[in-house]
Amino acid sequence: MMVGAYATAVMYTDWTAVILLLLTAAPLAVVVATAGFFIWRQKRQKG
């Protein structure tokens, strides 16, 4: 029984980490993508 409980706890921890990663990485990725898009657009207009 203990092994099953441990596996469940690990799985829960992994999903928590995934959710936290998404909550922090997703907005950061949006900011980076937006900045990159504007930089790319500026470079294309100058060219």
N, C-alpha and C. Protein backbone atom coordinates (compact mmCIF):
# COMPACT_ATOMS: atom_id res chain seq x y z
N MET A 1 0.83 -1.21 0.00
CA MET A 1 0.00 0.00 0.00
C MET A 1 0.86 1.26 0.00
N MET A 2 1.96 1.20 0.70
CA MET A 2 2.79 2.40 0.84
C MET A 2 3.35 2.85 -0.52
N VAL A 3 3.73 1.87 -1.34
CA VAL A 3 4.30 2.22 -2.65
C VAL A 3 3.27 2.95 -3.50
N GLY A 4 2.02 2.48 -3.48
CA GLY A 4 0.97 3.13 -4.24
C GLY A 4 0.72 4.56 -3.78
N ALA A 5 0.71 4.75 -2.48
CA ALA A 5 0.51 6.09 -1.94
C ALA A 5 1.66 7.00 -2.33
N TYR A 6 2.87 6.46 -2.29
CA TYR A 6 4.05 7.25 -2.66
C TYR A 6 3.98 7.65 -4.14
N ALA A 7 3.59 6.69 -4.98
CA ALA A 7 3.48 6.96 -6.42
C ALA A 7 2.42 8.04 -6.67
N THR A 8 1.31 7.96 -5.95
CA THR A 8 0.25 8.97 -6.09
C THR A 8 0.76 10.34 -5.65
N ALA A 9 1.52 10.37 -4.57
CA ALA A 9 2.06 11.63 -4.09
C ALA A 9 3.04 12.22 -5.10
N VAL A 10 3.86 11.36 -5.69
CA VAL A 10 4.81 11.84 -6.70
C VAL A 10 4.06 12.38 -7.91
N MET A 11 3.04 11.66 -8.34
CA MET A 11 2.25 12.10 -9.49
C MET A 11 1.60 13.45 -9.20
N TYR A 12 1.05 13.60 -7.99
CA TYR A 12 0.42 14.86 -7.61
C TYR A 12 1.43 15.99 -7.60
N THR A 13 2.62 15.70 -7.07
CA THR A 13 3.68 16.71 -7.04
C THR A 13 4.08 17.10 -8.46
N ASP A 14 4.18 16.11 -9.34
CA ASP A 14 4.56 16.40 -10.72
C ASP A 14 3.52 17.29 -11.40
N TRP A 15 2.23 16.97 -11.18
CA TRP A 15 1.19 17.79 -11.81
C TRP A 15 1.19 19.20 -11.22
N THR A 16 1.45 19.31 -9.91
CA THR A 16 1.54 20.64 -9.30
C THR A 16 2.67 21.43 -9.92
N ALA A 17 3.82 20.76 -10.12
CA ALA A 17 4.96 21.43 -10.74
C ALA A 17 4.64 21.84 -12.17
N VAL A 18 3.94 20.98 -12.89
CA VAL A 18 3.56 21.30 -14.27
C VAL A 18 2.64 22.51 -14.30
N ILE A 19 1.66 22.53 -13.40
CA ILE A 19 0.72 23.65 -13.35
C ILE A 19 1.45 24.94 -12.99
N LEU A 20 2.32 24.88 -11.98
CA LEU A 20 3.08 26.08 -11.59
C LEU A 20 3.97 26.53 -12.74
N LEU A 21 4.58 25.56 -13.43
CA LEU A 21 5.45 25.90 -14.56
C LEU A 21 4.65 26.60 -15.65
N LEU A 22 3.46 26.08 -15.93
CA LEU A 22 2.62 26.69 -16.96
C LEU A 22 2.18 28.10 -16.54
N LEU A 23 1.83 28.25 -15.27
CA LEU A 23 1.37 29.56 -14.79
C LEU A 23 2.47 30.60 -14.85
N THR A 24 3.73 30.17 -14.68
CA THR A 24 4.84 31.13 -14.71
C THR A 24 5.44 31.23 -16.10
N ALA A 25 5.53 30.11 -16.81
CA ALA A 25 6.19 30.12 -18.12
C ALA A 25 5.28 30.67 -19.21
N ALA A 26 3.99 30.41 -19.14
CA ALA A 26 3.08 30.85 -20.19
C ALA A 26 3.07 32.38 -20.34
N PRO A 27 2.87 33.15 -19.27
CA PRO A 27 2.92 34.61 -19.43
C PRO A 27 4.28 35.10 -19.90
N LEU A 28 5.35 34.46 -19.41
CA LEU A 28 6.69 34.84 -19.83
C LEU A 28 6.87 34.56 -21.32
N ALA A 29 6.38 33.41 -21.78
CA ALA A 29 6.47 33.07 -23.20
C ALA A 29 5.68 34.07 -24.04
N VAL A 30 4.53 34.51 -23.55
CA VAL A 30 3.73 35.50 -24.27
C VAL A 30 4.49 36.81 -24.39
N VAL A 31 5.12 37.23 -23.30
CA VAL A 31 5.89 38.48 -23.32
C VAL A 31 7.06 38.38 -24.29
N VAL A 32 7.79 37.26 -24.22
CA VAL A 32 8.94 37.05 -25.11
C VAL A 32 8.49 37.00 -26.56
N ALA A 33 7.40 36.28 -26.83
CA ALA A 33 6.90 36.17 -28.20
C ALA A 33 6.44 37.53 -28.73
N THR A 34 5.77 38.30 -27.87
CA THR A 34 5.31 39.62 -28.29
C THR A 34 6.48 40.55 -28.58
N ALA A 35 7.46 40.54 -27.68
CA ALA A 35 8.65 41.38 -27.88
C ALA A 35 9.39 40.95 -29.15
N GLY A 36 9.55 39.64 -29.32
CA GLY A 36 10.22 39.14 -30.52
C GLY A 36 9.49 39.53 -31.79
N PHE A 37 8.16 39.47 -31.74
CA PHE A 37 7.36 39.84 -32.91
C PHE A 37 7.55 41.31 -33.27
N PHE A 38 7.54 42.18 -32.26
CA PHE A 38 7.71 43.61 -32.53
C PHE A 38 9.10 43.92 -33.05
N ILE A 39 10.12 43.24 -32.48
CA ILE A 39 11.49 43.43 -32.96
C ILE A 39 11.60 42.97 -34.40
N TRP A 40 11.02 41.78 -34.69
CA TRP A 40 11.06 41.24 -36.05
C TRP A 40 10.36 42.18 -37.03
N ARG A 41 9.22 42.77 -36.60
CA ARG A 41 8.46 43.68 -37.46
C ARG A 41 9.27 44.95 -37.73
N GLN A 42 9.94 45.47 -36.68
CA GLN A 42 10.75 46.67 -36.85
C GLN A 42 11.90 46.41 -37.83
N LYS A 43 12.55 45.26 -37.68
CA LYS A 43 13.66 44.92 -38.58
C LYS A 43 13.17 44.78 -40.01
N ARG A 44 11.98 44.19 -40.19
CA ARG A 44 11.44 43.98 -41.53
C ARG A 44 11.08 45.30 -42.19
N GLN A 45 10.58 46.26 -41.41
CA GLN A 45 10.19 47.56 -41.96
C GLN A 45 11.43 48.35 -42.38
N LYS A 46 12.52 48.25 -41.61
CA LYS A 46 13.72 48.99 -41.93
C LYS A 46 14.39 48.47 -43.20
N GLY A 47 14.30 47.14 -43.41
CA GLY A 47 15.00 46.48 -44.49
C GLY A 47 14.61 46.96 -45.84
